């Protein structure tokens, strides 16, 4: 059942990524694979809230399977060896990445810092 859900979510993400008019200037590509416990943890802990956050609105999520390569029209700066790997993309090219998932308490501040360093992103609550 989990594999079916993963396949469904992956296909939906790839389908959305093929519509450039809907795409933000920045996107977050989550590279994952079936059986990845850390991917499953991210999907349980972060994924439900992600699209509703400032970060998620700024860099919408696109999913990619490790074994299928990058989504159409996106270029990685180097190969991906670990899952999950989160690749921040501007336009069609990688500008930064985070490898692994360290838990929900650390994901948000690390991701916000990555966005701030590479895009100038600031959360609404920051001074």
Protein backbone atom coordinates (compact mmCIF):
# COMPACT_ATOMS: atom_id res chain seq x y z
CA UNK A 1 0.00 0.00 0.00
CA UNK A 2 2.83 2.41 0.91
CA UNK A 3 4.44 1.82 -2.51
CA UNK A 4 1.17 2.65 -4.25
CA UNK A 5 0.81 5.89 -2.30
CA UNK A 6 4.44 6.80 -3.05
CA UNK A 7 3.89 6.14 -6.76
CA UNK A 8 0.68 8.18 -6.78
CA UNK A 9 2.31 11.12 -4.98
CA UNK A 10 5.38 10.97 -7.24
CA UNK A 11 3.28 10.93 -10.41
CA UNK A 12 1.19 13.85 -9.13
CA UNK A 13 4.35 15.86 -8.34
CA UNK A 14 5.89 15.13 -11.73
CA UNK A 15 2.65 16.07 -13.46
CA UNK A 16 2.49 19.41 -11.65
CA UNK A 17 6.13 20.14 -12.47
CA UNK A 18 5.34 19.96 -16.19
CA UNK A 19 3.15 23.07 -16.02
CA UNK A 20 5.61 26.00 -15.98
CA UNK A 21 2.83 28.56 -15.63
CA UNK A 22 2.03 27.12 -12.21
CA UNK A 23 5.65 26.96 -11.13
CA UNK A 24 7.32 29.45 -8.82
CA UNK A 25 10.72 30.89 -9.69
CA UNK A 26 12.03 28.65 -6.90
CA UNK A 27 11.11 25.03 -6.24
CA UNK A 28 12.19 22.41 -3.75
CA UNK A 29 12.83 19.02 -5.31
CA UNK A 30 12.60 16.16 -2.83
CA UNK A 31 14.51 13.16 -4.15
CA UNK A 32 13.21 10.02 -2.50
CA UNK A 33 12.88 6.28 -3.01
CA UNK A 34 10.59 3.50 -1.85
CA UNK A 35 11.62 2.01 1.48
CA UNK A 36 13.42 5.16 2.69
CA UNK A 37 12.55 5.50 6.39
CA UNK A 38 13.75 9.12 6.52
CA UNK A 39 11.60 9.99 3.49
CA UNK A 40 8.62 8.43 5.24
CA UNK A 41 9.36 10.43 8.39
CA UNK A 42 9.53 13.68 6.35
CA UNK A 43 6.29 12.75 4.61
CA UNK A 44 4.60 12.18 7.99
CA UNK A 45 6.06 15.14 9.87
CA UNK A 46 6.61 17.90 7.31
CA UNK A 47 4.75 17.21 4.06
CA UNK A 48 1.21 17.88 5.34
CA UNK A 49 2.11 21.42 6.48
CA UNK A 50 4.72 22.28 3.85
CA UNK A 51 2.44 23.80 1.15
CA UNK A 52 0.80 26.07 3.75
CA UNK A 53 4.05 27.55 5.08
CA UNK A 54 5.86 30.65 3.85
CA UNK A 55 8.68 28.37 2.74
CA UNK A 56 6.32 26.06 0.86
CA UNK A 57 4.63 28.94 -0.92
CA UNK A 58 8.00 30.45 -1.84
CA UNK A 59 9.49 27.15 -3.07
CA UNK A 60 6.72 24.67 -3.95
CA UNK A 61 7.57 21.00 -3.57
CA UNK A 62 8.34 18.80 -6.54
CA UNK A 63 9.00 15.11 -5.93
CA UNK A 64 11.51 12.97 -7.79
CA UNK A 65 12.41 9.31 -7.56
CA UNK A 66 16.12 8.65 -6.99
CA UNK A 67 16.20 6.07 -9.78
CA UNK A 68 14.28 8.15 -12.34
CA UNK A 69 16.64 11.14 -12.39
CA UNK A 70 15.63 14.79 -12.17
CA UNK A 71 12.15 15.95 -13.12
CA UNK A 72 11.81 17.06 -16.72
CA UNK A 73 13.40 20.46 -17.29
CA UNK A 74 15.46 20.45 -14.07
CA UNK A 75 19.22 20.01 -13.87
CA UNK A 76 21.07 18.88 -10.76
CA UNK A 77 24.56 20.28 -10.13
CA UNK A 78 25.76 16.76 -9.25
CA UNK A 79 24.37 13.29 -8.78
CA UNK A 80 22.13 12.33 -5.88
CA UNK A 81 23.28 9.42 -3.72
CA UNK A 82 21.18 9.72 -0.55
CA UNK A 83 17.50 9.99 0.19
CA UNK A 84 15.94 12.18 1.02
CA UNK A 85 17.90 14.91 -0.71
CA UNK A 86 16.25 18.32 -0.97
CA UNK A 87 17.39 20.35 -3.97
CA UNK A 88 16.56 24.04 -4.17
CA UNK A 89 16.05 25.00 -7.79
CA UNK A 90 15.81 28.41 -9.41
CA UNK A 91 14.24 28.18 -12.83
CA UNK A 92 15.63 24.89 -14.06
CA UNK A 93 18.96 24.67 -12.19
CA UNK A 94 20.05 23.59 -8.73
CA UNK A 95 21.28 26.41 -6.49
CA UNK A 96 21.58 24.57 -3.15
CA UNK A 97 20.83 21.25 -1.48
CA UNK A 98 20.28 19.53 1.84
CA UNK A 99 21.09 15.85 2.16
CA UNK A 100 19.19 13.76 4.67
CA UNK A 101 16.43 14.54 7.11
CA UNK A 102 17.31 15.44 10.69
CA UNK A 103 13.80 15.61 12.12
CA UNK A 104 11.08 18.23 12.21
CA UNK A 105 12.71 20.33 14.96
CA UNK A 106 15.79 20.93 12.82
CA UNK A 107 14.37 20.81 9.29
CA UNK A 108 12.59 24.17 9.41
CA UNK A 109 15.47 26.32 10.72
CA UNK A 110 18.01 24.65 8.43
CA UNK A 111 15.73 25.06 5.41
CA UNK A 112 14.93 28.70 6.29
CA UNK A 113 18.67 29.41 6.57
CA UNK A 114 19.32 27.73 3.20
CA UNK A 115 16.57 29.81 1.59
CA UNK A 116 17.88 33.00 3.20
CA UNK A 117 21.45 32.39 2.07
CA UNK A 118 20.57 31.49 -1.52
CA UNK A 119 17.45 33.52 -2.28
CA UNK A 120 17.11 36.33 0.25
CA UNK A 121 13.93 34.68 1.59
CA UNK A 122 12.69 35.94 4.95
CA UNK A 123 9.80 34.59 6.95
CA UNK A 124 6.95 37.00 7.68
CA UNK A 125 7.68 36.88 11.41
CA UNK A 126 11.33 37.97 11.08
CA UNK A 127 12.46 41.51 11.91
